[in-house]
Amino acid sequence: MNLNLSLTPLISLLAGILILVIPRLLNTIVAIYLIVIGLVGLFGLGAVNFR
């Protein structure tokens, strides 16, 4: 059985939950999110395969 996880939706989900829980950190969370998504796109770490 193979389990394919995509990194981008997991990061988006985590960022959304953090924004809901701590709205004052919106700017910081958005900045970190954009940096991480940029690095994922740059280095091609979009999917992690578990076997």
N, C-alpha and C. Protein backbone atom coordinates (compact mmCIF):
# COMPACT_ATOMS: atom_id res chain seq x y z
N MET A 1 0.85 -1.18 0.00
CA MET A 1 0.00 0.00 0.00
C MET A 1 0.89 1.24 0.00
N ASN A 2 0.64 2.14 -0.92
CA ASN A 2 1.40 3.38 -1.01
C ASN A 2 0.55 4.54 -0.50
N LEU A 3 1.18 5.43 0.25
CA LEU A 3 0.51 6.61 0.77
C LEU A 3 1.25 7.82 0.22
N ASN A 4 0.56 8.61 -0.60
CA ASN A 4 1.16 9.80 -1.17
C ASN A 4 0.60 11.03 -0.46
N LEU A 5 1.49 11.79 0.16
CA LEU A 5 1.10 13.03 0.82
C LEU A 5 1.68 14.19 0.04
N SER A 6 0.88 15.19 -0.19
CA SER A 6 1.38 16.38 -0.83
C SER A 6 1.67 17.41 0.25
N LEU A 7 2.80 18.04 0.17
CA LEU A 7 3.26 18.94 1.22
C LEU A 7 2.49 20.26 1.22
N THR A 8 2.15 20.78 0.06
CA THR A 8 1.51 22.09 -0.02
C THR A 8 0.16 22.15 0.70
N PRO A 9 -0.77 21.20 0.49
CA PRO A 9 -2.03 21.28 1.22
C PRO A 9 -1.88 21.13 2.74
N LEU A 10 -0.92 20.35 3.17
CA LEU A 10 -0.69 20.21 4.61
C LEU A 10 -0.22 21.52 5.22
N ILE A 11 0.67 22.22 4.53
CA ILE A 11 1.15 23.51 5.01
C ILE A 11 0.02 24.53 5.02
N SER A 12 -0.81 24.50 3.98
CA SER A 12 -1.95 25.42 3.91
C SER A 12 -2.93 25.18 5.05
N LEU A 13 -3.20 23.92 5.34
CA LEU A 13 -4.11 23.58 6.42
C LEU A 13 -3.56 24.05 7.77
N LEU A 14 -2.30 23.81 8.01
CA LEU A 14 -1.67 24.25 9.25
C LEU A 14 -1.70 25.77 9.38
N ALA A 15 -1.39 26.47 8.30
CA ALA A 15 -1.41 27.94 8.33
C ALA A 15 -2.82 28.45 8.60
N GLY A 16 -3.82 27.85 7.98
CA GLY A 16 -5.21 28.27 8.21
C GLY A 16 -5.65 28.06 9.64
N ILE A 17 -5.28 26.94 10.22
CA ILE A 17 -5.65 26.66 11.62
C ILE A 17 -4.96 27.66 12.55
N LEU A 18 -3.68 27.93 12.30
CA LEU A 18 -2.97 28.89 13.14
C LEU A 18 -3.57 30.29 13.04
N ILE A 19 -4.00 30.69 11.84
CA ILE A 19 -4.62 32.00 11.67
C ILE A 19 -5.94 32.07 12.42
N LEU A 20 -6.71 30.99 12.42
CA LEU A 20 -7.97 30.98 13.16
C LEU A 20 -7.73 31.03 14.67
N VAL A 21 -6.71 30.33 15.14
CA VAL A 21 -6.46 30.26 16.58
C VAL A 21 -5.80 31.55 17.09
N ILE A 22 -4.84 32.07 16.32
CA ILE A 22 -4.09 33.25 16.76
C ILE A 22 -4.10 34.29 15.64
N PRO A 23 -5.18 35.07 15.51
CA PRO A 23 -5.28 36.02 14.39
C PRO A 23 -4.21 37.10 14.39
N ARG A 24 -3.62 37.41 15.53
CA ARG A 24 -2.58 38.45 15.59
C ARG A 24 -1.32 38.05 14.84
N LEU A 25 -1.13 36.77 14.61
CA LEU A 25 0.06 36.30 13.90
C LEU A 25 -0.14 36.19 12.40
N LEU A 26 -1.17 36.83 11.87
CA LEU A 26 -1.51 36.69 10.45
C LEU A 26 -0.34 37.05 9.55
N ASN A 27 0.29 38.19 9.76
CA ASN A 27 1.39 38.62 8.89
C ASN A 27 2.55 37.64 8.93
N THR A 28 2.89 37.17 10.13
CA THR A 28 4.00 36.23 10.27
C THR A 28 3.69 34.90 9.61
N ILE A 29 2.47 34.40 9.83
CA ILE A 29 2.09 33.10 9.26
C ILE A 29 2.06 33.18 7.73
N VAL A 30 1.52 34.27 7.19
CA VAL A 30 1.47 34.42 5.73
C VAL A 30 2.88 34.51 5.16
N ALA A 31 3.76 35.25 5.82
CA ALA A 31 5.14 35.36 5.33
C ALA A 31 5.85 34.01 5.35
N ILE A 32 5.72 33.27 6.44
CA ILE A 32 6.34 31.95 6.52
C ILE A 32 5.75 31.01 5.48
N TYR A 33 4.42 31.07 5.31
CA TYR A 33 3.75 30.23 4.31
C TYR A 33 4.30 30.50 2.92
N LEU A 34 4.42 31.77 2.56
CA LEU A 34 4.91 32.12 1.22
C LEU A 34 6.34 31.67 1.02
N ILE A 35 7.17 31.80 2.04
CA ILE A 35 8.56 31.34 1.94
C ILE A 35 8.62 29.83 1.76
N VAL A 36 7.85 29.10 2.56
CA VAL A 36 7.87 27.63 2.48
C VAL A 36 7.33 27.16 1.13
N ILE A 37 6.23 27.75 0.66
CA ILE A 37 5.67 27.35 -0.64
C ILE A 37 6.65 27.67 -1.77
N GLY A 38 7.33 28.80 -1.65
CA GLY A 38 8.35 29.15 -2.65
C GLY A 38 9.48 28.14 -2.67
N LEU A 39 9.94 27.73 -1.49
CA LEU A 39 11.02 26.73 -1.43
C LEU A 39 10.56 25.38 -1.95
N VAL A 40 9.32 25.01 -1.63
CA VAL A 40 8.79 23.74 -2.14
C VAL A 40 8.74 23.76 -3.66
N GLY A 41 8.29 24.86 -4.22
CA GLY A 41 8.23 24.98 -5.68
C GLY A 41 9.60 25.02 -6.31
N LEU A 42 10.54 25.67 -5.63
CA LEU A 42 11.88 25.82 -6.17
C LEU A 42 12.64 24.50 -6.19
N PHE A 43 12.54 23.75 -5.11
CA PHE A 43 13.30 22.51 -4.99
C PHE A 43 12.49 21.26 -5.33
N GLY A 44 11.22 21.41 -5.67
CA GLY A 44 10.42 20.28 -6.11
C GLY A 44 10.10 19.28 -5.03
N LEU A 45 9.82 19.75 -3.83
CA LEU A 45 9.49 18.85 -2.73
C LEU A 45 7.97 18.74 -2.56
N GLY A 46 7.23 18.73 -3.65
CA GLY A 46 5.77 18.78 -3.59
C GLY A 46 5.12 17.54 -3.06
N ALA A 47 5.72 16.38 -3.22
CA ALA A 47 5.09 15.15 -2.77
C ALA A 47 6.10 14.28 -2.04
N VAL A 48 5.65 13.69 -0.96
CA VAL A 48 6.47 12.78 -0.17
C VAL A 48 5.83 11.41 -0.27
N ASN A 49 6.59 10.40 -0.64
CA ASN A 49 6.05 9.05 -0.79
C ASN A 49 6.46 8.18 0.39
N PHE A 50 5.47 7.55 1.00
CA PHE A 50 5.72 6.60 2.09
C PHE A 50 5.36 5.21 1.60
N ARG A 51 6.20 4.24 1.89
CA ARG A 51 5.92 2.86 1.48
C ARG A 51 5.80 1.97 2.67
